[in-house]
C-alpha atoms as a PDB file:
ATOM      1  CA  UNK A   1      30.014  11.507 -22.330  1.00  0.00           C
ATOM      2  CA  UNK A   2      28.321  11.058 -18.962  1.00  0.00           C
ATOM      3  CA  UNK A   3      25.315   8.855 -18.322  1.00  0.00           C
ATOM      4  CA  UNK A   4      22.053  10.507 -17.330  1.00  0.00           C
ATOM      5  CA  UNK A   5      18.635   9.193 -16.280  1.00  0.00           C
ATOM      6  CA  UNK A   6      16.365   8.596 -19.241  1.00  0.00           C
ATOM      7  CA  UNK A   7      13.140  10.543 -19.595  1.00  0.00           C
ATOM      8  CA  UNK A   8       9.898   9.603 -21.335  1.00  0.00           C
ATOM      9  CA  UNK A   9      11.161  11.495 -24.395  1.00  0.00           C
ATOM     10  CA  UNK A  10      13.978   8.918 -24.701  1.00  0.00           C
ATOM     11  CA  UNK A  11      11.612   5.951 -24.938  1.00  0.00           C
ATOM     12  CA  UNK A  12      11.877   5.372 -28.687  1.00  0.00           C
ATOM     13  CA  UNK A  13      15.654   5.573 -28.652  1.00  0.00           C
ATOM     14  CA  UNK A  14      15.910   3.218 -25.657  1.00  0.00           C
ATOM     15  CA  UNK A  15      13.855   0.592 -27.488  1.00  0.00           C
ATOM     16  CA  UNK A  16      15.889   1.153 -30.668  1.00  0.00           C
ATOM     17  CA  UNK A  17      19.060   0.387 -28.697  1.00  0.00           C
ATOM     18  CA  UNK A  18      17.395  -2.675 -27.165  1.00  0.00           C
ATOM     19  CA  UNK A  19      16.693  -3.897 -30.702  1.00  0.00           C
ATOM     20  CA  UNK A  20      20.422  -3.562 -31.470  1.00  0.00           C
ATOM     21  CA  UNK A  21      21.144  -5.682 -28.401  1.00  0.00           C
ATOM     22  CA  UNK A  22      18.757  -8.411 -29.512  1.00  0.00           C
ATOM     23  CA  UNK A  23      20.127  -8.356 -33.055  1.00  0.00           C
ATOM     24  CA  UNK A  24      23.665  -8.758 -31.681  1.00  0.00           C
ATOM     25  CA  UNK A  25      22.383 -11.891 -29.917  1.00  0.00           C
ATOM     26  CA  UNK A  26      21.058 -13.299 -33.185  1.00  0.00           C
ATOM     27  CA  UNK A  27      17.396 -12.574 -32.463  1.00  0.00           C
ATOM     28  CA  UNK A  28      14.977 -11.041 -34.938  1.00  0.00           C
ATOM     29  CA  UNK A  29      14.274  -7.664 -33.358  1.00  0.00           C
ATOM     30  CA  UNK A  30      12.253  -6.284 -36.254  1.00  0.00           C
ATOM     31  CA  UNK A  31       8.905  -7.642 -35.072  1.00  0.00           C
ATOM     32  CA  UNK A  32       6.871  -4.541 -34.116  1.00  0.00           C
ATOM     33  CA  UNK A  33       4.747  -5.990 -31.278  1.00  0.00           C
ATOM     34  CA  UNK A  34       7.602  -6.324 -28.785  1.00  0.00           C
ATOM     35  CA  UNK A  35       8.820  -2.830 -29.710  1.00  0.00           C
ATOM     36  CA  UNK A  36       5.365  -1.328 -29.096  1.00  0.00           C
ATOM     37  CA  UNK A  37       5.157  -3.179 -25.776  1.00  0.00           C
ATOM     38  CA  UNK A  38       8.705  -2.106 -24.924  1.00  0.00           C
ATOM     39  CA  UNK A  39       7.855   1.552 -25.494  1.00  0.00           C
ATOM     40  CA  UNK A  40       4.663   1.204 -23.451  1.00  0.00           C
ATOM     41  CA  UNK A  41       6.503  -0.440 -20.551  1.00  0.00           C
ATOM     42  CA  UNK A  42       9.279   2.164 -20.538  1.00  0.00           C
ATOM     43  CA  UNK A  43       6.764   5.055 -20.588  1.00  0.00           C
ATOM     44  CA  UNK A  44       4.559   3.536 -17.863  1.00  0.00           C
ATOM     45  CA  UNK A  45       7.215   2.143 -15.533  1.00  0.00           C
ATOM     46  CA  UNK A  46      10.080   4.652 -15.812  1.00  0.00           C
ATOM     47  CA  UNK A  47      10.705   6.161 -12.391  1.00  0.00           C
ATOM     48  CA  UNK A  48       8.778   3.414 -10.624  1.00  0.00           C
ATOM     49  CA  UNK A  49      10.223  -0.111 -10.772  1.00  0.00           C
ATOM     50  CA  UNK A  50      12.263   0.708 -13.896  1.00  0.00           C
ATOM     51  CA  UNK A  51      15.338   2.863 -14.348  1.00  0.00           C
ATOM     52  CA  UNK A  52      17.135   3.549 -17.586  1.00  0.00           C
ATOM     53  CA  UNK A  53      20.428   5.407 -17.863  1.00  0.00           C
ATOM     54  CA  UNK A  54      21.520   6.708 -21.232  1.00  0.00           C
ATOM     55  CA  UNK A  55      24.364   8.452 -23.020  1.00  0.00           C
ATOM     56  CA  UNK A  56      23.535  11.126 -25.573  1.00  0.00           C
ATOM     57  CA  UNK A  57      25.137  11.229 -29.004  1.00  0.00           C
ATOM     58  CA  UNK A  58      27.682  14.071 -28.841  1.00  0.00           C
ATOM     59  CA  UNK A  59      26.676  15.265 -32.332  1.00  0.00           C
ATOM     60  CA  UNK A  60      23.093  14.229 -33.154  1.00  0.00           C
ATOM     61  CA  UNK A  61      20.537  15.781 -30.814  1.00  0.00           C
ATOM     62  CA  UNK A  62      17.870  13.344 -29.639  1.00  0.00           C
ATOM     63  CA  UNK A  63      19.978  10.332 -30.563  1.00  0.00           C
ATOM     64  CA  UNK A  64      21.290   7.975 -27.883  1.00  0.00           C
ATOM     65  CA  UNK A  65      24.481   5.949 -28.176  1.00  0.00           C
ATOM     66  CA  UNK A  66      24.198   3.862 -25.009  1.00  0.00           C
ATOM     67  CA  UNK A  67      21.628   2.664 -22.512  1.00  0.00           C
ATOM     68  CA  UNK A  68      21.201   0.344 -19.529  1.00  0.00           C
ATOM     69  CA  UNK A  69      17.772  -0.571 -18.190  1.00  0.00           C
ATOM     70  CA  UNK A  70      16.978  -2.372 -14.968  1.00  0.00           C
ATOM     71  CA  UNK A  71      13.960  -3.317 -12.912  1.00  0.00           C
ATOM     72  CA  UNK A  72      13.272  -4.006  -9.260  1.00  0.00           C
ATOM     73  CA  UNK A  73      10.992  -6.851  -8.212  1.00  0.00           C
ATOM     74  CA  UNK A  74       9.610  -7.651  -4.782  1.00  0.00           C
ATOM     75  CA  UNK A  75      10.403 -11.246  -3.945  1.00  0.00           C
ATOM     76  CA  UNK A  76      10.078 -13.128  -0.693  1.00  0.00           C
ATOM     77  CA  UNK A  77      12.705 -12.328   1.959  1.00  0.00           C
ATOM     78  CA  UNK A  78      15.701 -14.579   2.516  1.00  0.00           C
ATOM     79  CA  UNK A  79      18.421 -14.642   5.205  1.00  0.00           C
ATOM     80  CA  UNK A  80      20.799 -12.842   2.814  1.00  0.00           C
ATOM     81  CA  UNK A  81      18.147 -10.501   1.423  1.00  0.00           C
ATOM     82  CA  UNK A  82      15.699  -9.589   4.206  1.00  0.00           C
ATOM     83  CA  UNK A  83      13.937  -6.940   2.103  1.00  0.00           C
ATOM     84  CA  UNK A  84      13.262  -9.407  -0.699  1.00  0.00           C
ATOM     85  CA  UNK A  85      14.100  -6.756  -3.286  1.00  0.00           C
ATOM     86  CA  UNK A  86      15.775  -8.108  -6.397  1.00  0.00           C
ATOM     87  CA  UNK A  87      17.166  -6.221  -9.351  1.00  0.00           C
ATOM     88  CA  UNK A  88      17.442  -7.355 -12.909  1.00  0.00           C
ATOM     89  CA  UNK A  89      19.556  -5.680 -15.573  1.00  0.00           C
ATOM     90  CA  UNK A  90      17.392  -5.954 -18.647  1.00  0.00           C
ATOM     91  CA  UNK A  91      18.855  -4.103 -21.638  1.00  0.00           C
ATOM     92  CA  UNK A  92      22.428  -2.848 -22.001  1.00  0.00           C
ATOM     93  CA  UNK A  93      23.572  -1.674 -25.390  1.00  0.00           C
ATOM     94  CA  UNK A  94      26.061   0.713 -26.938  1.00  0.00           C
ATOM     95  CA  UNK A  95      25.952   1.737 -30.591  1.00  0.00           C
ATOM     96  CA  UNK A  96      28.661  -0.192 -32.479  1.00  0.00           C
ATOM     97  CA  UNK A  97      30.481   2.998 -33.518  1.00  0.00           C
ATOM     98  CA  UNK A  98      30.756   4.047 -29.847  1.00  0.00           C
ATOM     99  CA  UNK A  99      31.919   0.753 -28.329  1.00  0.00           C
ATOM    100  CA  UNK A 100      35.261   0.435 -26.534  1.00  0.00           C
ATOM    101  CA  UNK A 101      34.862   3.918 -25.012  1.00  0.00           C
ATOM    102  CA  UNK A 102      33.617   2.674 -21.610  1.00  0.00           C
ATOM    103  CA  UNK A 103      30.036   3.836 -22.273  1.00  0.00           C
ATOM    104  CA  UNK A 104      28.640   0.454 -21.280  1.00  0.00           C
ATOM    105  CA  UNK A 105      30.458   0.791 -17.979  1.00  0.00           C
ATOM    106  CA  UNK A 106      29.183   4.366 -17.598  1.00  0.00           C
ATOM    107  CA  UNK A 107      25.513   3.385 -17.910  1.00  0.00           C
ATOM    108  CA  UNK A 108      25.999   0.236 -15.820  1.00  0.00           C
ATOM    109  CA  UNK A 109      27.645   2.117 -12.946  1.00  0.00           C
ATOM    110  CA  UNK A 110      24.756   4.613 -12.945  1.00  0.00           C
ATOM    111  CA  UNK A 111      22.248   1.751 -12.912  1.00  0.00           C
ATOM    112  CA  UNK A 112      24.077  -0.051 -10.087  1.00  0.00           C
ATOM    113  CA  UNK A 113      24.107   3.180  -8.064  1.00  0.00           C
ATOM    114  CA  UNK A 114      20.333   3.401  -8.611  1.00  0.00           C
ATOM    115  CA  UNK A 115      19.938  -0.174  -7.280  1.00  0.00           C
ATOM    116  CA  UNK A 116      22.225   0.633  -4.310  1.00  0.00           C
ATOM    117  CA  UNK A 117      20.200   3.748  -3.428  1.00  0.00           C
ATOM    118  CA  UNK A 118      17.112   1.495  -3.162  1.00  0.00           C
ATOM    119  CA  UNK A 119      18.953  -1.109  -1.042  1.00  0.00           C
ATOM    120  CA  UNK A 120      18.603  -3.732  -3.776  1.00  0.00           C
ATOM    121  CA  UNK A 121      21.251  -6.223  -2.700  1.00  0.00           C
ATOM    122  CA  UNK A 122      20.725  -8.936  -5.308  1.00  0.00           C
ATOM    123  CA  UNK A 123      21.075  -7.908  -8.953  1.00  0.00           C
ATOM    124  CA  UNK A 124      21.041 -10.406 -11.800  1.00  0.00           C
ATOM    125  CA  UNK A 125      21.734 -10.186 -15.499  1.00  0.00           C
ATOM    126  CA  UNK A 126      22.369 -12.277 -18.569  1.00  0.00           C
ATOM    127  CA  UNK A 127      25.651 -11.435 -20.273  1.00  0.00           C
ATOM    128  CA  UNK A 128      26.810 -11.631 -23.828  1.00  0.00           C
ATOM    129  CA  UNK A 129      30.317 -13.020 -24.288  1.00  0.00           C
ATOM    130  CA  UNK A 130      31.511  -9.543 -25.314  1.00  0.00           C
ATOM    131  CA  UNK A 131      30.199  -7.863 -22.151  1.00  0.00           C
ATOM    132  CA  UNK A 132      30.957 -10.561 -19.578  1.00  0.00           C
ATOM    133  CA  UNK A 133      34.420  -9.219 -18.594  1.00  0.00           C
ATOM    134  CA  UNK A 134      32.945  -5.789 -17.805  1.00  0.00           C
ATOM    135  CA  UNK A 135      30.178  -7.304 -15.673  1.00  0.00           C
ATOM    136  CA  UNK A 136      32.700  -9.401 -13.754  1.00  0.00           C
ATOM    137  CA  UNK A 137      34.780  -6.272 -13.114  1.00  0.00           C
ATOM    138  CA  UNK A 138      31.632  -4.627 -11.720  1.00  0.00           C
ATOM    139  CA  UNK A 139      31.208  -7.464  -9.200  1.00  0.00           C
ATOM    140  CA  UNK A 140      28.943  -9.936 -11.004  1.00  0.00           C
ATOM    141  CA  UNK A 141      29.839 -13.618 -10.799  1.00  0.00           C
ATOM    142  CA  UNK A 142      28.226 -16.998 -11.208  1.00  0.00           C
ATOM    143  CA  UNK A 143      28.784 -18.277  -7.674  1.00  0.00           C
ATOM    144  CA  UNK A 144      25.966 -19.135  -5.328  1.00  0.00           C
ATOM    145  CA  UNK A 145      22.849 -21.185  -5.953  1.00  0.00           C
ATOM    146  CA  UNK A 146      22.484 -22.570  -9.452  1.00  0.00           C
ATOM    147  CA  UNK A 147      19.996 -20.610 -11.567  1.00  0.00           C
ATOM    148  CA  UNK A 148      17.751 -22.763 -13.702  1.00  0.00           C
ATOM    149  CA  UNK A 149      15.127 -21.518 -16.118  1.00  0.00           C
ATOM    150  CA  UNK A 150      12.017 -22.940 -17.686  1.00  0.00           C
ATOM    151  CA  UNK A 151      11.137 -21.350 -20.989  1.00  0.00           C
ATOM    152  CA  UNK A 152       8.020 -21.893 -23.008  1.00  0.00           C
ATOM    153  CA  UNK A 153       8.433 -20.266 -26.404  1.00  0.00           C
END
């Protein structure tokens, strides 16, 4: 089951998969406001600063079983990143029934190729414990400057 670029028609399914991701992290993903905003962002930004790669359900037409979404941001240049472009892997999820079939890797490789084609040299993500080994195999690590976050909930 190969990954393909998502289209606007996939928006609802992409957000549905993102909700599965958040639920697997223990977050309440049922609140409709973020889902509405998620669909709006995917529709408006897809093909611009947002890419989403998906895997279709082999049986159910219009149903997705995997997705990876990433964005590109323009930051200030640095000696290691003169363009200042930075990527962020936002949502990666595979339907539970389709896990352990390398679909997460399939959508991630497609997304990383998309970043590479845009010369995005720095790509960040937050990993679940389950997915961390795959991300490390794809070249992600926690070396370099310490990342700190300020969150106001």
